[in-house]
């Protein structure tokens, strides 16, 4: 199987007032004649390099187990900027959400053959990148119909956002958390228990009636736990 190819694209965001670097993955069988689903990964470089999401997706497309998809990875520039854009209380997180929903989607839809429907767009992220993916889908459920969460950071703001979604049936959620994520070192908040708030999020999502998949992994808050789960995430989110 010939691998797909990654294009590096520079994209100026008016919402963020800066040039964003995008990693755009076109599958091995890409053709402009056929429409594609869209997968958008915050922590994009990590999903490509550590998660190997492009290779996994290509294998699934080759086996015709998922629909053809374009993957857009958004790398973060620095750890400090990542927090400002991804953290629910970060001072740039609303601008980042608008960048995803207003600017990036328009650019992808204009530049590549896509279905241009919420049900064919997925946001995926790990840790804080999962949090911002969920917050974006909560604010723009008509724009993003699927979200895959690897060990999201969860606080009251995240829970309120999920509670506020008016039509749970419109958003499919894939959600995993490691059983060992009870003492996770973070860059700014010391050590945090991720597992307990994720269980609270799980109960809320279940209660609200979203199309939903949830599992607690044998693992911790690292790519060692998340990488083996990428295949199932891409498969499962298309079937729930």
Protein backbone atom coordinates (compact mmCIF):
# COMPACT_ATOMS: atom_id res chain seq x y z
CA UNK A 1 0.00 0.00 0.00
CA UNK A 2 1.36 3.42 -0.94
CA UNK A 3 1.23 5.79 2.02
CA UNK A 4 -0.82 8.95 1.88
CA UNK A 5 1.01 12.26 1.85
CA UNK A 6 1.23 15.13 4.29
CA UNK A 7 1.19 18.68 2.96
CA UNK A 8 2.39 21.52 5.17
CA UNK A 9 0.18 24.57 4.74
CA UNK A 10 0.48 28.07 6.14
CA UNK A 11 -2.89 29.60 6.93
CA UNK A 12 -3.44 33.10 8.32
CA UNK A 13 -6.16 33.25 10.96
CA UNK A 14 -7.93 36.56 11.49
CA UNK A 15 -9.51 35.18 14.65
CA UNK A 16 -6.11 34.34 16.17
CA UNK A 17 -4.27 37.18 14.40
CA UNK A 18 -1.40 34.91 13.41
CA UNK A 19 -0.23 32.48 10.79
CA UNK A 20 -1.12 28.90 11.64
CA UNK A 21 0.82 25.88 10.44
CA UNK A 22 -1.41 23.05 9.26
CA UNK A 23 -0.49 19.45 8.48
CA UNK A 24 -2.90 18.18 5.85
CA UNK A 25 -3.02 14.45 5.18
CA UNK A 26 -4.40 13.23 1.87
CA UNK A 27 -5.05 9.46 1.81
CA UNK A 28 -3.20 7.13 -0.55
CA UNK A 29 -6.27 6.81 -2.76
CA UNK A 30 -7.08 10.52 -2.71
CA UNK A 31 -8.86 11.82 -5.78
CA UNK A 32 -10.43 15.27 -6.26
CA UNK A 33 -13.29 13.45 -8.00
CA UNK A 34 -14.59 11.93 -4.74
CA UNK A 35 -15.90 13.62 -1.63
CA UNK A 36 -14.18 13.07 1.69
CA UNK A 37 -14.95 13.19 5.39
CA UNK A 38 -12.82 15.60 7.44
CA UNK A 39 -10.92 14.78 10.66
CA UNK A 40 -9.41 17.72 12.53
CA UNK A 41 -6.80 16.98 15.19
CA UNK A 42 -5.64 19.57 17.71
CA UNK A 43 -2.20 18.53 19.01
CA UNK A 44 -1.89 17.69 15.32
CA UNK A 45 1.82 16.93 15.15
CA UNK A 46 1.45 14.52 18.08
CA UNK A 47 -1.44 12.71 16.38
CA UNK A 48 0.63 12.24 13.23
CA UNK A 49 4.01 11.44 14.80
CA UNK A 50 3.10 9.71 18.07
CA UNK A 51 -0.41 8.52 17.22
CA UNK A 52 0.42 7.59 13.60
CA UNK A 53 -3.14 8.57 12.71
CA UNK A 54 -2.40 8.93 8.98
CA UNK A 55 -1.05 5.40 8.66
CA UNK A 56 -3.91 3.95 10.70
CA UNK A 57 -6.53 5.82 8.69
CA UNK A 58 -4.97 4.72 5.40
CA UNK A 59 -5.09 1.07 6.51
CA UNK A 60 -8.76 1.40 7.45
CA UNK A 61 -9.57 3.13 4.16
CA UNK A 62 -7.67 0.45 2.25
CA UNK A 63 -9.75 -2.19 4.03
CA UNK A 64 -12.87 -0.09 3.26
CA UNK A 65 -13.71 0.00 6.96
CA UNK A 66 -14.02 3.80 7.05
CA UNK A 67 -15.05 6.33 4.44
CA UNK A 68 -12.30 8.29 2.62
CA UNK A 69 -11.13 11.10 4.87
CA UNK A 70 -8.82 14.09 4.84
CA UNK A 71 -7.00 14.65 8.14
CA UNK A 72 -6.03 18.16 9.24
CA UNK A 73 -3.49 18.37 12.05
CA UNK A 74 -3.00 21.64 13.94
CA UNK A 75 0.32 21.66 15.79
CA UNK A 76 0.80 23.95 18.77
CA UNK A 77 3.75 26.36 18.73
CA UNK A 78 4.69 26.32 22.41
CA UNK A 79 3.38 24.66 25.56
CA UNK A 80 2.32 28.08 26.87
CA UNK A 81 0.38 28.88 23.68
CA UNK A 82 -1.21 25.44 23.77
CA UNK A 83 -2.62 26.19 27.20
CA UNK A 84 -3.85 29.64 26.17
CA UNK A 85 -5.75 28.17 23.19
CA UNK A 86 -6.86 24.77 24.51
CA UNK A 87 -7.54 25.21 28.22
CA UNK A 88 -11.21 26.00 29.02
CA UNK A 89 -10.01 29.07 30.94
CA UNK A 90 -7.30 30.02 28.45
CA UNK A 91 -7.55 33.61 27.25
CA UNK A 92 -7.45 32.54 23.55
CA UNK A 93 -9.71 29.48 23.66
CA UNK A 94 -12.79 31.27 22.27
CA UNK A 95 -10.73 32.67 19.39
CA UNK A 96 -9.35 29.18 18.68
CA UNK A 97 -12.90 27.76 18.63
CA UNK A 98 -13.95 30.45 16.13
CA UNK A 99 -10.85 29.69 14.04
CA UNK A 100 -11.89 26.03 13.81
CA UNK A 101 -15.58 26.66 13.10
CA UNK A 102 -15.44 29.77 10.92
CA UNK A 103 -12.07 29.85 9.17
CA UNK A 104 -10.56 26.38 8.97
CA UNK A 105 -13.74 24.61 7.86
CA UNK A 106 -14.36 27.20 5.15
CA UNK A 107 -10.80 26.85 3.89
CA UNK A 108 -10.94 23.03 3.78
CA UNK A 109 -14.35 22.99 2.10
CA UNK A 110 -13.21 25.48 -0.54
CA UNK A 111 -9.89 23.73 -1.21
CA UNK A 112 -10.81 20.03 -1.14
CA UNK A 113 -13.77 17.83 -2.11
CA UNK A 114 -15.73 17.45 1.15
CA UNK A 115 -19.35 16.72 2.05
CA UNK A 116 -19.74 20.06 3.90
CA UNK A 117 -22.01 18.55 6.56
CA UNK A 118 -21.56 18.30 10.32
CA UNK A 119 -22.09 14.54 10.35
CA UNK A 120 -19.02 14.08 8.14
CA UNK A 121 -16.65 16.18 10.29
CA UNK A 122 -14.84 14.90 13.36
CA UNK A 123 -12.72 16.68 15.96
CA UNK A 124 -10.13 14.59 17.81
CA UNK A 125 -7.77 15.47 20.63
CA UNK A 126 -5.87 14.29 23.69
CA UNK A 127 -5.82 15.91 27.13
CA UNK A 128 -6.36 19.70 26.69
CA UNK A 129 -6.69 19.15 22.92
CA UNK A 130 -9.62 16.84 23.73
CA UNK A 131 -11.15 19.51 25.95
CA UNK A 132 -11.06 22.15 23.21
CA UNK A 133 -12.43 19.63 20.70
CA UNK A 134 -15.41 18.95 22.97
CA UNK A 135 -15.96 22.65 23.71
CA UNK A 136 -15.91 23.41 19.97
CA UNK A 137 -18.38 20.65 19.15
CA UNK A 138 -20.61 21.83 22.01
CA UNK A 139 -20.67 25.37 20.65
CA UNK A 140 -21.03 24.36 16.98
CA UNK A 141 -22.84 20.99 16.95
CA UNK A 142 -24.22 21.65 13.45
CA UNK A 143 -20.68 22.16 12.17
CA UNK A 144 -19.04 19.17 13.91
CA UNK A 145 -21.10 16.00 14.34
CA UNK A 146 -18.42 13.75 15.84
CA UNK A 147 -15.80 14.17 18.55
CA UNK A 148 -13.18 11.67 19.78
CA UNK A 149 -11.70 12.33 23.22
CA UNK A 150 -8.51 10.79 24.57
CA UNK A 151 -8.28 11.61 28.29
CA UNK A 152 -9.77 15.13 28.22
CA UNK A 153 -9.10 17.66 30.95
CA UNK A 154 -12.52 18.16 32.56
CA UNK A 155 -13.67 21.03 34.79
CA UNK A 156 -16.98 22.78 35.51
CA UNK A 157 -16.75 24.77 32.29
CA UNK A 158 -16.51 21.58 30.21
CA UNK A 159 -19.43 19.99 32.06
CA UNK A 160 -21.59 23.10 31.60
CA UNK A 161 -20.80 23.14 27.87
CA UNK A 162 -21.99 19.55 27.50
CA UNK A 163 -25.07 20.31 29.59
CA UNK A 164 -25.91 23.24 27.30
CA UNK A 165 -26.07 21.22 24.05
CA UNK A 166 -29.70 21.36 22.96
CA UNK A 167 -29.79 18.33 20.63
CA UNK A 168 -27.62 15.48 21.98
CA UNK A 169 -28.68 13.21 19.10
CA UNK A 170 -26.71 15.42 16.67
CA UNK A 171 -23.30 14.80 18.30
CA UNK A 172 -21.59 11.39 18.50
CA UNK A 173 -18.93 11.13 21.22
CA UNK A 174 -16.05 8.65 21.59
CA UNK A 175 -14.44 8.92 25.04
CA UNK A 176 -11.62 6.99 26.69
CA UNK A 177 -9.69 7.60 29.92
CA UNK A 178 -6.91 5.59 31.57
CA UNK A 179 -7.54 3.87 34.89
CA UNK A 180 -4.11 5.06 36.10
CA UNK A 181 -4.82 8.75 35.45
CA UNK A 182 -5.26 9.72 39.08
CA UNK A 183 -2.02 11.66 39.60
CA UNK A 184 -1.14 13.27 36.26
CA UNK A 185 1.71 15.81 36.13
CA UNK A 186 0.68 19.01 34.29
CA UNK A 187 2.72 22.01 33.17
CA UNK A 188 0.81 24.66 35.14
CA UNK A 189 -1.52 23.00 37.65
CA UNK A 190 0.69 20.51 39.46
CA UNK A 191 -0.57 16.93 39.66
CA UNK A 192 -4.23 16.33 38.81
CA UNK A 193 -6.74 13.52 39.05
CA UNK A 194 -8.10 13.12 35.50
CA UNK A 195 -10.05 9.91 36.13
CA UNK A 196 -12.66 11.19 38.61
CA UNK A 197 -13.77 14.22 36.52
CA UNK A 198 -13.87 12.01 33.40
CA UNK A 199 -16.20 9.61 35.18
CA UNK A 200 -18.41 12.60 36.02
CA UNK A 201 -18.34 13.64 32.35
CA UNK A 202 -19.20 10.07 31.38
CA UNK A 203 -22.27 10.07 33.62
CA UNK A 204 -23.43 13.41 32.21
CA UNK A 205 -23.00 12.33 28.56
CA UNK A 206 -24.84 9.09 29.29
CA UNK A 207 -27.66 10.92 31.10
CA UNK A 208 -28.10 13.43 28.26
CA UNK A 209 -28.43 10.61 25.72
CA UNK A 210 -25.66 11.37 23.21
CA UNK A 211 -24.68 8.61 20.77
CA UNK A 212 -21.71 7.49 22.84
CA UNK A 213 -18.83 5.07 23.33
CA UNK A 214 -16.89 5.03 26.62
CA UNK A 215 -14.13 2.86 27.98
CA UNK A 216 -11.55 3.04 30.75
CA UNK A 217 -8.20 1.91 29.37
CA UNK A 218 -5.48 0.03 31.19
CA UNK A 219 -3.02 2.87 31.04
CA UNK A 220 -1.88 6.36 31.95
CA UNK A 221 -1.93 9.87 30.48
CA UNK A 222 0.55 9.23 27.65
CA UNK A 223 0.68 8.26 23.98
CA UNK A 224 1.70 4.78 25.09
CA UNK A 225 -1.98 4.39 26.05
CA UNK A 226 -3.55 6.48 23.29
CA UNK A 227 -1.68 5.27 20.19
CA UNK A 228 -3.03 1.70 20.27
CA UNK A 229 -6.54 3.18 20.60
CA UNK A 230 -6.43 5.31 17.41
CA UNK A 231 -7.68 2.49 15.18
CA UNK A 232 -10.68 1.77 17.38
CA UNK A 233 -11.45 5.48 17.76
CA UNK A 234 -11.63 5.96 13.98
CA UNK A 235 -13.70 2.82 13.55
CA UNK A 236 -16.04 3.30 16.48
CA UNK A 237 -16.86 6.97 15.94
CA UNK A 238 -18.25 6.03 12.53
CA UNK A 239 -20.58 3.41 13.98
CA UNK A 240 -22.07 5.02 17.09
